[in-house]
């Protein structure tokens, strides 16, 4: 690609009946000015294009980094959610197991208390029966003693009779 300097340094050979040197020089100066401006603009645009390409590359890398971070954050959140659900399930299961254990222990204690109450009722009934039998036996014994005492009293002379016999 020609540079403005190349155009400026370009020299033409003079020939007989050639172009007007003055017109060629003016035209070349005009071309030089215009081409110089276009060349500078082109250079500026190339530099700008290069800067924008570098910036675009940075943004693409940043975008990829953000995508990777977002994916990692999503995966971490999913793992945390799954862990929390698993842990919650274990806690619920443990609580249910403890509740069943407490209920079973309570049932066993109720059954034990029922057996104890039943044993106490049986012991009380047996005690009442023995006490009733004992009292009945005592009453019968007392009645027999009263009957025997009454028979002895009827068969024995009274005190007055005994004293009178001693006096004689």
N, C-alpha and C. Protein backbone atom coordinates (compact mmCIF):
# COMPACT_ATOMS: atom_id res chain seq x y z
N UNK A 1 0.86 -1.17 0.00
CA UNK A 1 0.00 0.00 0.00
C UNK A 1 0.90 1.23 0.00
N UNK A 2 0.51 2.17 -0.80
CA UNK A 2 1.27 3.42 -0.88
C UNK A 2 1.05 4.26 0.36
N UNK A 3 2.11 4.90 0.76
CA UNK A 3 1.99 5.84 1.88
C UNK A 3 2.05 7.24 1.31
N UNK A 4 1.60 8.22 2.10
CA UNK A 4 1.69 9.60 1.63
C UNK A 4 3.14 9.97 1.31
N UNK A 5 4.08 9.43 2.03
CA UNK A 5 5.50 9.73 1.77
C UNK A 5 5.92 9.20 0.40
N UNK A 6 5.42 8.00 0.05
CA UNK A 6 5.72 7.43 -1.27
C UNK A 6 5.22 8.35 -2.38
N UNK A 7 4.01 8.85 -2.19
CA UNK A 7 3.44 9.74 -3.20
C UNK A 7 4.25 11.03 -3.27
N UNK A 8 4.65 11.54 -2.13
CA UNK A 8 5.41 12.79 -2.08
C UNK A 8 6.77 12.63 -2.76
N UNK A 9 7.39 11.51 -2.62
CA UNK A 9 8.73 11.30 -3.17
C UNK A 9 8.71 10.87 -4.64
N UNK A 10 7.55 10.54 -5.11
CA UNK A 10 7.47 10.06 -6.49
C UNK A 10 7.87 11.18 -7.44
N UNK A 11 8.75 10.84 -8.35
CA UNK A 11 9.19 11.80 -9.37
C UNK A 11 8.88 11.21 -10.74
N UNK A 12 8.47 12.07 -11.61
CA UNK A 12 8.16 11.64 -12.97
C UNK A 12 9.28 12.09 -13.90
N UNK A 13 9.54 11.35 -14.92
CA UNK A 13 10.55 11.73 -15.92
C UNK A 13 9.93 12.73 -16.88
N UNK A 14 10.71 13.66 -17.19
CA UNK A 14 10.20 14.69 -18.09
C UNK A 14 10.46 14.22 -19.52
N UNK A 15 9.47 14.45 -20.27
CA UNK A 15 9.62 14.10 -21.67
C UNK A 15 9.13 15.27 -22.53
N UNK A 16 9.52 15.20 -23.75
CA UNK A 16 9.13 16.28 -24.66
C UNK A 16 7.65 16.23 -24.86
N UNK A 17 7.10 17.36 -24.76
CA UNK A 17 5.66 17.54 -24.90
C UNK A 17 4.93 16.69 -23.88
N UNK A 18 5.38 16.58 -22.72
CA UNK A 18 4.71 15.84 -21.66
C UNK A 18 3.68 16.71 -20.98
N UNK A 19 3.26 16.21 -19.88
CA UNK A 19 2.25 16.92 -19.08
C UNK A 19 2.84 18.19 -18.53
N UNK A 20 1.95 19.11 -18.17
CA UNK A 20 2.39 20.35 -17.55
C UNK A 20 2.87 20.00 -16.16
N UNK A 21 4.10 20.33 -15.91
CA UNK A 21 4.69 20.03 -14.60
C UNK A 21 3.90 20.70 -13.50
N UNK A 22 3.47 21.87 -13.72
CA UNK A 22 2.73 22.61 -12.69
C UNK A 22 1.42 21.91 -12.37
N UNK A 23 0.70 21.48 -13.40
CA UNK A 23 -0.58 20.80 -13.16
C UNK A 23 -0.35 19.46 -12.46
N UNK A 24 0.66 18.73 -12.90
CA UNK A 24 0.94 17.43 -12.27
C UNK A 24 1.31 17.65 -10.81
N UNK A 25 2.15 18.67 -10.55
CA UNK A 25 2.55 18.94 -9.17
C UNK A 25 1.35 19.32 -8.31
N UNK A 26 0.49 20.18 -8.82
CA UNK A 26 -0.72 20.57 -8.06
C UNK A 26 -1.60 19.36 -7.80
N UNK A 27 -1.76 18.56 -8.87
CA UNK A 27 -2.61 17.39 -8.71
C UNK A 27 -2.02 16.43 -7.69
N UNK A 28 -0.72 16.22 -7.79
CA UNK A 28 -0.07 15.32 -6.84
C UNK A 28 -0.19 15.85 -5.42
N UNK A 29 -0.08 17.15 -5.24
CA UNK A 29 -0.25 17.73 -3.90
C UNK A 29 -1.66 17.49 -3.39
N UNK A 30 -2.63 17.64 -4.29
CA UNK A 30 -4.03 17.39 -3.90
C UNK A 30 -4.19 15.91 -3.54
N UNK A 31 -3.68 15.03 -4.37
CA UNK A 31 -3.75 13.58 -4.09
C UNK A 31 -3.04 13.27 -2.79
N UNK A 32 -1.88 13.90 -2.59
CA UNK A 32 -1.11 13.70 -1.37
C UNK A 32 -1.91 14.11 -0.14
N UNK A 33 -2.54 15.28 -0.19
CA UNK A 33 -3.35 15.73 0.96
C UNK A 33 -4.51 14.76 1.22
N UNK A 34 -5.25 14.45 0.15
CA UNK A 34 -6.42 13.58 0.32
C UNK A 34 -6.00 12.17 0.75
N UNK A 35 -4.97 11.67 0.09
CA UNK A 35 -4.52 10.33 0.43
C UNK A 35 -3.96 10.30 1.85
N UNK A 36 -3.26 11.36 2.24
CA UNK A 36 -2.72 11.45 3.60
C UNK A 36 -3.84 11.41 4.63
N UNK A 37 -4.90 12.14 4.34
CA UNK A 37 -6.04 12.15 5.27
C UNK A 37 -6.67 10.76 5.33
N UNK A 38 -6.88 10.15 4.16
CA UNK A 38 -7.48 8.81 4.11
C UNK A 38 -6.55 7.81 4.81
N UNK A 39 -5.25 7.94 4.58
CA UNK A 39 -4.28 7.04 5.19
C UNK A 39 -4.31 7.16 6.72
N UNK A 40 -4.33 8.41 7.21
CA UNK A 40 -4.39 8.62 8.67
C UNK A 40 -5.69 8.06 9.25
N UNK A 41 -6.79 8.32 8.56
CA UNK A 41 -8.07 7.78 9.03
C UNK A 41 -8.03 6.26 9.04
N UNK A 42 -7.43 5.70 7.99
CA UNK A 42 -7.32 4.25 7.91
C UNK A 42 -6.49 3.72 9.07
N UNK A 43 -5.36 4.36 9.37
CA UNK A 43 -4.51 3.96 10.48
C UNK A 43 -5.26 4.07 11.81
N UNK A 44 -5.97 5.19 11.98
CA UNK A 44 -6.75 5.37 13.21
C UNK A 44 -7.81 4.28 13.34
N UNK A 45 -8.46 3.99 12.21
CA UNK A 45 -9.49 2.95 12.24
C UNK A 45 -8.88 1.58 12.53
N UNK A 46 -7.70 1.30 11.98
CA UNK A 46 -7.03 0.03 12.27
C UNK A 46 -6.68 -0.07 13.76
N UNK A 47 -6.13 1.02 14.29
CA UNK A 47 -5.79 1.03 15.72
C UNK A 47 -7.04 0.87 16.57
N UNK A 48 -8.09 1.60 16.16
CA UNK A 48 -9.35 1.49 16.90
C UNK A 48 -9.89 0.08 16.79
N UNK A 49 -9.81 -0.50 15.60
CA UNK A 49 -10.28 -1.86 15.39
C UNK A 49 -9.49 -2.83 16.27
N UNK A 50 -8.18 -2.64 16.34
CA UNK A 50 -7.34 -3.49 17.18
C UNK A 50 -7.71 -3.35 18.66
N UNK A 51 -7.90 -2.09 19.11
CA UNK A 51 -8.30 -1.87 20.51
C UNK A 51 -9.66 -2.51 20.78
N UNK A 52 -10.59 -2.33 19.83
CA UNK A 52 -11.92 -2.92 20.03
C UNK A 52 -11.85 -4.44 20.01
N UNK A 53 -11.00 -5.00 19.18
CA UNK A 53 -10.84 -6.46 19.15
C UNK A 53 -10.29 -6.96 20.48
N UNK A 54 -9.29 -6.24 21.02
CA UNK A 54 -8.73 -6.61 22.32
C UNK A 54 -9.78 -6.48 23.41
N UNK A 55 -10.54 -5.38 23.34
CA UNK A 55 -11.59 -5.17 24.34
C UNK A 55 -12.66 -6.25 24.22
N UNK A 56 -13.01 -6.58 22.97
CA UNK A 56 -14.00 -7.64 22.75
C UNK A 56 -13.49 -8.96 23.32
N UNK A 57 -12.21 -9.24 23.13
CA UNK A 57 -11.62 -10.46 23.68
C UNK A 57 -11.70 -10.47 25.21
N UNK A 58 -11.40 -9.31 25.82
CA UNK A 58 -11.51 -9.21 27.29
C UNK A 58 -12.95 -9.46 27.73
N UNK A 59 -13.89 -8.84 27.00
CA UNK A 59 -15.30 -9.03 27.37
C UNK A 59 -15.74 -10.48 27.16
N UNK A 60 -15.25 -11.10 26.10
CA UNK A 60 -15.59 -12.51 25.88
C UNK A 60 -15.04 -13.38 27.00
N UNK A 61 -13.80 -13.09 27.41
CA UNK A 61 -13.22 -13.85 28.53
C UNK A 61 -14.00 -13.60 29.81
N UNK A 62 -14.37 -12.33 30.04
CA UNK A 62 -15.15 -11.99 31.22
C UNK A 62 -16.50 -12.69 31.18
N UNK A 63 -17.12 -12.69 29.99
CA UNK A 63 -18.41 -13.36 29.85
C UNK A 63 -18.28 -14.84 30.16
N UNK A 64 -17.23 -15.47 29.64
CA UNK A 64 -17.01 -16.90 29.91
C UNK A 64 -16.76 -17.15 31.39
N UNK A 65 -15.99 -16.26 32.00
CA UNK A 65 -15.73 -16.38 33.44
C UNK A 65 -17.03 -16.26 34.23
N UNK A 66 -17.87 -15.30 33.83
CA UNK A 66 -19.15 -15.12 34.52
C UNK A 66 -20.06 -16.32 34.30
N UNK A 67 -20.05 -16.86 33.06
CA UNK A 67 -20.87 -18.05 32.79
C UNK A 67 -20.40 -19.21 33.66
N UNK A 68 -19.07 -19.39 33.71
CA UNK A 68 -18.52 -20.48 34.53
C UNK A 68 -18.88 -20.29 36.00
N UNK A 69 -18.77 -19.04 36.48
CA UNK A 69 -19.11 -18.75 37.88
C UNK A 69 -20.59 -19.00 38.12
N UNK A 70 -21.43 -18.61 37.17
CA UNK A 70 -22.87 -18.82 37.32
C UNK A 70 -23.20 -20.31 37.34
N UNK A 71 -22.56 -21.06 36.45
CA UNK A 71 -22.79 -22.51 36.44
C UNK A 71 -22.33 -23.13 37.75
N UNK A 72 -21.17 -22.71 38.24
CA UNK A 72 -20.66 -23.24 39.50
C UNK A 72 -21.58 -22.87 40.66
N UNK A 73 -22.06 -21.63 40.65
CA UNK A 73 -22.98 -21.19 41.71
C UNK A 73 -24.27 -22.00 41.66
N UNK A 74 -24.77 -22.26 40.46
CA UNK A 74 -25.99 -23.05 40.31
C UNK A 74 -25.76 -24.47 40.81
N UNK A 75 -24.62 -25.05 40.43
CA UNK A 75 -24.31 -26.41 40.89
C UNK A 75 -24.17 -26.45 42.41
N UNK A 76 -23.51 -25.44 42.97
CA UNK A 76 -23.35 -25.38 44.42
C UNK A 76 -24.70 -25.24 45.10
N UNK A 77 -25.55 -24.39 44.54
CA UNK A 77 -26.90 -24.21 45.11
C UNK A 77 -27.68 -25.51 45.03
N UNK A 78 -27.57 -26.22 43.89
CA UNK A 78 -28.27 -27.50 43.75
C UNK A 78 -27.76 -28.51 44.78
N UNK A 79 -26.44 -28.57 44.93
CA UNK A 79 -25.86 -29.49 45.91
C UNK A 79 -26.31 -29.14 47.32
N UNK A 80 -26.31 -27.84 47.63
CA UNK A 80 -26.73 -27.42 48.98
C UNK A 80 -28.20 -27.76 49.20
N UNK A 81 -29.03 -27.55 48.17
CA UNK A 81 -30.46 -27.87 48.29
C UNK A 81 -30.64 -29.37 48.51
N UNK A 82 -29.91 -30.18 47.72
CA UNK A 82 -30.01 -31.62 47.88
C UNK A 82 -29.52 -32.06 49.25
N UNK A 83 -28.41 -31.49 49.70
CA UNK A 83 -27.90 -31.83 51.04
C UNK A 83 -28.90 -31.44 52.12
N UNK A 84 -29.50 -30.25 51.97
CA UNK A 84 -30.48 -29.79 52.96
C UNK A 84 -31.70 -30.72 52.96
N UNK A 85 -32.15 -31.13 51.77
CA UNK A 85 -33.30 -32.03 51.71
C UNK A 85 -32.95 -33.39 52.32
N UNK A 86 -31.75 -33.87 52.01
CA UNK A 86 -31.33 -35.16 52.57
C UNK A 86 -31.23 -35.07 54.09
N UNK A 87 -30.64 -33.98 54.57
CA UNK A 87 -30.50 -33.78 56.02
C UNK A 87 -31.86 -33.64 56.68
N UNK A 88 -32.76 -32.90 56.03
CA UNK A 88 -34.11 -32.74 56.58
C UNK A 88 -34.81 -34.10 56.65
N UNK A 89 -34.62 -34.91 55.61
CA UNK A 89 -35.21 -36.25 55.61
C UNK A 89 -34.67 -37.09 56.75
N UNK A 90 -33.36 -37.00 56.98
CA UNK A 90 -32.76 -37.76 58.08
C UNK A 90 -33.27 -37.27 59.43
N UNK A 91 -33.41 -35.96 59.57
CA UNK A 91 -33.92 -35.40 60.83
C UNK A 91 -35.35 -35.86 61.08
N UNK A 92 -36.18 -35.82 60.03
CA UNK A 92 -37.57 -36.26 60.16
C UNK A 92 -37.61 -37.75 60.51
N UNK A 93 -36.79 -38.54 59.82
CA UNK A 93 -36.76 -39.97 60.09
C UNK A 93 -36.32 -40.25 61.52
N UNK A 94 -35.30 -39.53 61.97
CA UNK A 94 -34.82 -39.70 63.34
C UNK A 94 -35.90 -39.31 64.35
N UNK A 95 -36.60 -38.20 64.07
CA UNK A 95 -37.67 -37.76 64.96
C UNK A 95 -38.79 -38.80 65.00
N UNK A 96 -39.14 -39.36 63.83
CA UNK A 96 -40.18 -40.39 63.80
C UNK A 96 -39.74 -41.62 64.57
N UNK A 97 -38.48 -42.01 64.42
CA UNK A 97 -37.97 -43.17 65.17
C UNK A 97 -38.02 -42.92 66.67
N UNK A 98 -37.62 -41.71 67.09
CA UNK A 98 -37.67 -41.38 68.52
C UNK A 98 -39.11 -41.37 69.02
N UNK A 99 -40.01 -40.84 68.20
CA UNK A 99 -41.42 -40.80 68.60
C UNK A 99 -41.96 -42.22 68.76
N UNK A 100 -41.60 -43.11 67.80
CA UNK A 100 -42.05 -44.51 67.92
C UNK A 100 -41.46 -45.15 69.18
N UNK A 101 -40.20 -44.87 69.45
CA UNK A 101 -39.55 -45.43 70.63
C UNK A 101 -40.23 -44.94 71.91
N UNK A 102 -40.53 -43.64 71.95
CA UNK A 102 -41.21 -43.07 73.12
C UNK A 102 -42.58 -43.69 73.29
N UNK A 103 -43.32 -43.84 72.17
CA UNK A 103 -44.65 -44.46 72.25
C UNK A 103 -44.54 -45.91 72.72
N UNK A 104 -43.57 -46.65 72.20
CA UNK A 104 -43.39 -48.04 72.64
C UNK A 104 -43.06 -48.12 74.12
N UNK A 105 -42.17 -47.24 74.58
CA UNK A 105 -41.84 -47.22 76.00
C UNK A 105 -43.06 -46.85 76.84
N UNK A 106 -43.84 -45.90 76.36
CA UNK A 106 -45.05 -45.51 77.10
C UNK A 106 -46.03 -46.67 77.15
N UNK A 107 -46.19 -47.40 76.02
CA UNK A 107 -47.08 -48.57 76.02
C UNK A 107 -46.60 -49.62 77.01
N UNK A 108 -45.28 -49.86 77.00
CA UNK A 108 -44.73 -50.85 77.93
C UNK A 108 -44.96 -50.43 79.38
N UNK A 109 -44.78 -49.15 79.67
CA UNK A 109 -45.02 -48.67 81.03
C UNK A 109 -46.49 -48.79 81.40
N UNK A 110 -47.38 -48.49 80.45
CA UNK A 110 -48.82 -48.63 80.72
C UNK A 110 -49.15 -50.10 80.97
N UNK A 111 -48.60 -50.99 80.13
CA UNK A 111 -48.86 -52.42 80.33
C UNK A 111 -48.32 -52.89 81.69
N UNK A 112 -47.13 -52.41 82.04
CA UNK A 112 -46.54 -52.77 83.34
C UNK A 112 -47.42 -52.25 84.47
N UNK A 113 -47.88 -51.00 84.34
CA UNK A 113 -48.74 -50.43 85.38
C UNK A 113 -50.05 -51.20 85.46
N UNK A 114 -50.60 -51.62 84.30
CA UNK A 114 -51.84 -52.41 84.30
C UNK A 114 -51.62 -53.76 84.99
N UNK A 115 -50.49 -54.41 84.70
CA UNK A 115 -50.19 -55.69 85.37
C UNK A 115 -50.02 -55.49 86.87
N UNK A 116 -49.33 -54.41 87.24
CA UNK A 116 -49.12 -54.12 88.65
C UNK A 116 -50.46 -53.87 89.34
N UNK A 117 -51.33 -53.07 88.69
CA UNK A 117 -52.66 -52.81 89.24
C UNK A 117 -53.45 -54.10 89.36
N UNK A 118 -53.37 -54.93 88.32
CA UNK A 118 -54.09 -56.21 88.34
C UNK A 118 -53.56 -57.10 89.46
N UNK A 119 -52.23 -57.14 89.62
CA UNK A 119 -51.64 -57.93 90.70
C UNK A 119 -52.08 -57.40 92.06
N UNK A 120 -52.09 -56.05 92.21
CA UNK A 120 -52.53 -55.46 93.47
C UNK A 120 -53.99 -55.80 93.75
N UNK A 121 -54.84 -55.74 92.71
CA UNK A 121 -56.25 -56.08 92.90
C UNK A 121 -56.40 -57.54 93.31
N UNK A 122 -55.59 -58.42 92.67
CA UNK A 122 -55.65 -59.85 93.02
C UNK A 122 -55.17 -60.06 94.45
N UNK A 123 -54.08 -59.37 94.82
CA UNK A 123 -53.57 -59.49 96.19
C UNK A 123 -54.59 -58.95 97.19
N UNK A 124 -55.24 -57.82 96.85
CA UNK A 124 -56.24 -57.25 97.75
C UNK A 124 -57.42 -58.21 97.90
N UNK A 125 -57.85 -58.81 96.78
CA UNK A 125 -58.97 -59.76 96.85
C UNK A 125 -58.58 -60.98 97.68
N UNK A 126 -57.33 -61.48 97.49
CA UNK A 126 -56.88 -62.63 98.27
C UNK A 126 -56.78 -62.26 99.74
N UNK A 127 -56.27 -61.05 100.03
CA UNK A 127 -56.17 -60.60 101.41
C UNK A 127 -57.56 -60.50 102.04
N UNK A 128 -58.51 -59.93 101.29
CA UNK A 128 -59.88 -59.80 101.81
C UNK A 128 -60.47 -61.18 102.09
N UNK A 129 -60.21 -62.11 101.18
CA UNK A 129 -60.74 -63.47 101.35
C UNK A 129 -60.12 -64.11 102.59
N UNK A 130 -58.80 -64.00 102.74
CA UNK A 130 -58.14 -64.58 103.91
C UNK A 130 -58.62 -63.90 105.19
N UNK A 131 -58.74 -62.53 105.12
CA UNK A 131 -59.20 -61.80 106.30
C UNK A 131 -60.62 -62.22 106.66
N UNK A 132 -61.46 -62.34 105.63
CA UNK A 132 -62.84 -62.75 105.86
C UNK A 132 -62.86 -64.16 106.48
N UNK A 133 -62.02 -65.07 105.92
CA UNK A 133 -61.95 -66.44 106.44
C UNK A 133 -61.44 -66.44 107.88
N UNK A 134 -60.39 -65.62 108.13
CA UNK A 134 -59.85 -65.52 109.47
C UNK A 134 -60.90 -64.99 110.44
N UNK A 135 -61.58 -63.90 110.03
CA UNK A 135 -62.60 -63.32 110.90
C UNK A 135 -63.75 -64.31 111.12
N UNK A 136 -64.11 -65.02 110.06
CA UNK A 136 -65.18 -66.01 110.18
C UNK A 136 -64.75 -67.10 111.16
N UNK A 137 -63.47 -67.53 111.03
CA UNK A 137 -62.97 -68.57 111.93
C UNK A 137 -62.94 -68.05 113.36
N UNK A 138 -62.54 -66.80 113.55
CA UNK A 138 -62.50 -66.21 114.88
C UNK A 138 -63.91 -66.11 115.46
N UNK A 139 -64.85 -65.68 114.58
CA UNK A 139 -66.24 -65.60 115.05
C UNK A 139 -66.76 -66.98 115.45
N UNK A 140 -66.42 -67.97 114.64
CA UNK A 140 -66.87 -69.33 114.96
C UNK A 140 -66.21 -69.81 116.26
N UNK A 141 -64.92 -69.50 116.41
CA UNK A 141 -64.20 -69.87 117.62
C UNK A 141 -64.81 -69.17 118.83
N UNK A 142 -65.11 -67.87 118.67
CA UNK A 142 -65.72 -67.10 119.74
C UNK A 142 -67.10 -67.67 120.09
N UNK A 143 -67.83 -68.00 119.05
CA UNK A 143 -69.16 -68.58 119.29
C UNK A 143 -69.04 -69.92 120.00
N UNK A 144 -68.02 -70.70 119.60
CA UNK A 144 -67.83 -72.00 120.22
C UNK A 144 -67.41 -71.83 121.67
N UNK A 145 -66.56 -70.84 121.96
CA UNK A 145 -66.14 -70.59 123.32
C UNK A 145 -67.31 -70.09 124.16
N UNK A 146 -68.14 -69.24 123.56
CA UNK A 146 -69.31 -68.75 124.29
C UNK A 146 -70.26 -69.91 124.59
N UNK A 147 -70.40 -70.77 123.61
CA UNK A 147 -71.27 -71.93 123.81
C UNK A 147 -70.70 -72.85 124.87
N UNK A 148 -69.38 -73.03 124.84
CA UNK A 148 -68.74 -73.89 125.83
C UNK A 148 -68.83 -73.26 127.20
N UNK A 149 -68.64 -71.94 127.26
CA UNK A 149 -68.71 -71.24 128.53
C UNK A 149 -70.13 -71.31 129.07
N UNK A 150 -71.07 -71.21 128.21
CA UNK A 150 -72.46 -71.26 128.64
C UNK A 150 -72.80 -72.67 129.13
N UNK A 151 -72.25 -73.68 128.51
CA UNK A 151 -72.49 -75.06 128.91
C UNK A 151 -71.81 -75.31 130.25
N UNK A 152 -70.65 -74.81 130.44
CA UNK A 152 -69.91 -74.98 131.68
C UNK A 152 -70.65 -74.22 132.79
N UNK A 153 -71.13 -73.07 132.49
CA UNK A 153 -71.82 -72.26 133.49
C UNK A 153 -73.11 -72.97 133.93
N UNK A 154 -73.77 -73.59 133.01
CA UNK A 154 -75.01 -74.28 133.35
C UNK A 154 -74.70 -75.53 134.17
N UNK A 155 -73.61 -76.17 133.93
CA UNK A 155 -73.29 -77.40 134.63
C UNK A 155 -72.59 -77.13 135.95
N UNK A 156 -72.03 -76.05 136.19
CA UNK A 156 -71.34 -75.74 137.43
C UNK A 156 -72.30 -75.03 138.37
N UNK A 157 -72.12 -75.35 139.61
CA UNK A 157 -72.95 -74.64 140.55
C UNK A 157 -72.49 -73.20 140.64
N UNK A 158 -73.34 -72.35 141.04
CA UNK A 158 -73.03 -70.95 141.15
C UNK A 158 -72.10 -70.70 142.30
N UNK A 159 -71.63 -69.58 142.49
CA UNK A 159 -70.68 -69.22 143.52
C UNK A 159 -71.34 -69.35 144.90
N UNK A 160 -72.54 -69.02 144.93
CA UNK A 160 -73.22 -69.09 146.21
C UNK A 160 -73.29 -70.54 146.68
N UNK A 161 -73.47 -71.41 145.76
CA UNK A 161 -73.56 -72.81 146.10
C UNK A 161 -72.21 -73.30 146.57
N UNK A 162 -71.16 -72.89 145.98
CA UNK A 162 -69.82 -73.31 146.35
C UNK A 162 -69.49 -72.76 147.74
N UNK A 163 -69.85 -71.53 148.05
CA UNK A 163 -69.57 -70.97 149.35
C UNK A 163 -70.39 -71.67 150.42
N UNK A 164 -71.56 -72.04 150.10
CA UNK A 164 -72.40 -72.70 151.08
C UNK A 164 -71.87 -74.08 151.38
N UNK A 165 -71.33 -74.72 150.44
CA UNK A 165 -70.77 -76.04 150.64
C UNK A 165 -69.53 -75.95 151.52
N UNK A 166 -68.76 -74.90 151.40
CA UNK A 166 -67.58 -74.73 152.22
C UNK A 166 -67.97 -74.39 153.65
N UNK A 167 -69.04 -73.74 153.82
CA UNK A 167 -69.47 -73.35 155.14
C UNK A 167 -69.95 -74.58 155.92
N UNK A 168 -70.46 -75.45 155.39
CA UNK A 168 -70.99 -76.61 156.06
C UNK A 168 -69.92 -77.49 156.46
